[in-house]
Amino acid sequence: MSRLLLKNHAPDWNGLVHRVTPESAGWGHVGFELHRLRPGQEIEAETGGREACLVLVGGRATIEAGGERFAGIGERTSPFEGKPFSVYVPHRSGYRVRAESDLEIGICTAPGGDHAVRLIGPDAVAASVRGKDTNTRYVHDILP
């Protein structure tokens, strides 16, 4: 079991707040980054041998990946305002994210898949309830 406990800190110069790798967390496969960007700020990366799901936690962005461009996506100002917009990016691909407003974006990675780049809108996100009573939580299944 992982002994991972992260505390929030100020973003670094490129907006990175957290980076969790399978190795740093003691996990088998999944990685995660959280970025907080100001309007106009960009991040750019290559997926390498991993696929990525770029989840707009809050804010608006333009995302380019695999020859696709998704302009001005994102409707939420916080993770508590409904379902997110996300973009799936396959392995061996690059992506660029440009913040159109204050933006918080989660980048989830796993060993690579060879699917097409795609926009996942809120209407395509399933919701499920887990737990009960005081342990009830509502989960948005972006890539089930």
Protein backbone atom coordinates (compact mmCIF):
# COMPACT_ATOMS: atom_id res chain seq x y z
CA MET A 1 0.00 0.00 0.00
CA SER A 2 1.18 3.48 -0.81
CA ARG A 3 2.16 5.86 1.98
CA LEU A 4 1.50 8.88 -0.15
CA LEU A 5 0.44 12.11 1.56
CA LEU A 6 0.74 15.35 -0.41
CA LYS A 7 0.23 18.83 0.95
CA ASN A 8 -0.69 21.73 -1.28
CA HIS A 9 2.07 24.19 -2.08
CA ALA A 10 2.45 27.12 -4.42
CA PRO A 11 2.89 26.22 -8.10
CA ASP A 12 6.42 26.35 -9.52
CA TRP A 13 7.32 28.61 -12.49
CA ASN A 14 5.39 26.40 -14.96
CA GLY A 15 2.33 25.91 -12.75
CA LEU A 16 3.24 22.47 -11.40
CA VAL A 17 1.73 21.86 -7.96
CA HIS A 18 2.13 18.06 -7.65
CA ARG A 19 3.83 15.29 -9.62
CA VAL A 20 3.21 11.70 -8.57
CA THR A 21 4.88 8.90 -10.49
CA PRO A 22 4.25 5.19 -10.05
CA GLU A 23 7.73 4.99 -8.52
CA SER A 24 7.32 7.90 -6.09
CA ALA A 25 3.96 6.60 -4.85
CA GLY A 26 4.74 2.89 -4.86
CA TRP A 27 1.95 2.30 -7.38
CA GLY A 28 2.04 -0.15 -10.27
CA HIS A 29 0.85 1.99 -13.16
CA VAL A 30 -0.88 5.33 -12.60
CA GLY A 31 0.79 8.76 -12.55
CA PHE A 32 -0.71 12.17 -11.77
CA GLU A 33 0.23 15.83 -12.07
CA LEU A 34 -1.68 18.91 -10.99
CA HIS A 35 -0.99 22.29 -12.61
CA ARG A 36 -2.41 25.71 -11.77
CA LEU A 37 -1.99 28.14 -14.63
CA ARG A 38 -2.72 31.83 -15.05
CA PRO A 39 -4.45 33.12 -18.22
CA GLY A 40 -2.06 32.85 -21.17
CA GLN A 41 0.28 30.44 -19.41
CA GLU A 42 1.04 27.17 -21.26
CA ILE A 43 2.36 23.71 -20.59
CA GLU A 44 3.60 21.36 -23.27
CA ALA A 45 4.66 17.72 -22.94
CA GLU A 46 5.15 14.39 -24.70
CA THR A 47 3.36 11.29 -23.45
CA GLY A 48 6.20 8.88 -24.31
CA GLY A 49 5.10 5.31 -23.61
CA ARG A 50 2.14 6.44 -21.50
CA GLU A 51 -1.34 7.65 -22.41
CA ALA A 52 -2.76 10.74 -20.71
CA CYS A 53 -6.13 12.14 -19.74
CA LEU A 54 -6.08 15.92 -19.30
CA VAL A 55 -8.89 16.80 -16.88
CA LEU A 56 -10.01 20.42 -16.52
CA VAL A 57 -10.63 20.61 -12.79
CA GLY A 58 -11.62 24.27 -13.05
CA GLY A 59 -11.26 27.00 -15.65
CA ARG A 60 -11.09 27.23 -19.44
CA ALA A 61 -8.31 26.13 -21.80
CA THR A 62 -7.36 25.49 -25.39
CA ILE A 63 -5.75 22.07 -25.83
CA GLU A 64 -3.86 20.86 -28.89
CA ALA A 65 -2.93 17.20 -29.31
CA GLY A 66 -2.43 14.81 -32.21
CA GLY A 67 -3.36 17.42 -34.81
CA GLU A 68 -6.62 18.25 -33.00
CA ARG A 69 -7.44 21.60 -31.41
CA PHE A 70 -10.10 22.03 -28.74
CA ALA A 71 -10.56 25.77 -28.19
CA GLY A 72 -12.05 27.41 -25.11
CA ILE A 73 -13.21 24.22 -23.39
CA GLY A 74 -14.19 24.06 -19.74
CA GLU A 75 -17.24 25.36 -17.93
CA ARG A 76 -16.49 24.79 -14.25
CA THR A 77 -14.82 27.19 -11.87
CA SER A 78 -14.24 24.41 -9.31
CA PRO A 79 -14.45 20.62 -9.11
CA PHE A 80 -17.75 20.96 -7.25
CA GLU A 81 -19.67 22.37 -10.24
CA GLY A 82 -20.68 19.33 -12.26
CA LYS A 83 -18.77 17.11 -14.62
CA PRO A 84 -15.46 18.09 -16.25
CA PHE A 85 -14.21 18.46 -19.80
CA SER A 86 -11.24 16.18 -20.53
CA VAL A 87 -8.99 15.31 -23.46
CA TYR A 88 -7.60 11.82 -24.04
CA VAL A 89 -4.07 11.76 -25.52
CA PRO A 90 -2.55 8.43 -26.65
CA HIS A 91 1.02 7.28 -26.06
CA ARG A 92 3.76 8.60 -28.35
CA SER A 93 1.92 11.93 -28.72
CA GLY A 94 2.46 15.50 -27.66
CA TYR A 95 0.05 18.01 -26.20
CA ARG A 96 -0.10 21.71 -25.40
CA VAL A 97 -2.44 23.35 -22.90
CA ARG A 98 -3.04 27.12 -22.91
CA ALA A 99 -5.00 28.61 -20.02
CA GLU A 100 -7.82 30.90 -21.19
CA SER A 101 -8.70 31.75 -17.55
CA ASP A 102 -7.28 30.74 -14.21
CA LEU A 103 -6.94 27.00 -14.78
CA GLU A 104 -6.47 23.95 -12.63
CA ILE A 105 -5.74 20.85 -14.71
CA GLY A 106 -5.05 17.28 -13.67
CA ILE A 107 -2.92 15.11 -15.93
CA CYS A 108 -3.49 11.42 -15.33
CA THR A 109 -1.18 8.90 -17.03
CA ALA A 110 -0.98 5.14 -17.42
CA PRO A 111 0.87 2.66 -19.66
CA GLY A 112 0.12 3.52 -23.27
CA GLY A 113 -2.91 2.97 -25.41
CA ASP A 114 -3.17 3.56 -29.14
CA HIS A 115 -6.59 5.22 -29.40
CA ALA A 116 -7.36 8.47 -31.18
CA VAL A 117 -7.13 11.86 -29.46
CA ARG A 118 -10.59 12.80 -28.31
CA LEU A 119 -12.52 15.41 -26.40
CA ILE A 120 -14.59 13.98 -23.56
CA GLY A 121 -17.39 16.41 -22.79
CA PRO A 122 -19.39 16.49 -19.56
CA ASP A 123 -22.31 14.71 -21.26
CA ALA A 124 -20.04 11.68 -21.91
CA VAL A 125 -18.95 11.37 -18.27
CA ALA A 126 -20.80 8.77 -16.22
CA ALA A 127 -21.52 9.44 -12.57
CA SER A 128 -21.65 6.82 -9.86
CA VAL A 129 -22.21 6.75 -6.12
CA ARG A 130 -19.83 4.85 -3.88
CA GLY A 131 -20.14 4.11 -0.21
CA LYS A 132 -23.10 4.94 1.99
CA ASP A 133 -24.22 7.11 4.88
CA THR A 134 -21.38 9.41 6.00
CA ASN A 135 -18.98 7.67 3.59
CA THR A 136 -21.01 8.46 0.46
CA ARG A 137 -19.02 9.98 -2.39
CA TYR A 138 -19.94 10.88 -5.96
CA VAL A 139 -17.45 9.79 -8.61
CA HIS A 140 -17.20 11.00 -12.21
CA ASP A 141 -15.99 8.10 -14.37
CA ILE A 142 -14.14 9.94 -17.15
CA LEU A 143 -12.33 6.92 -18.65
CA PRO A 144 -14.00 3.82 -17.19
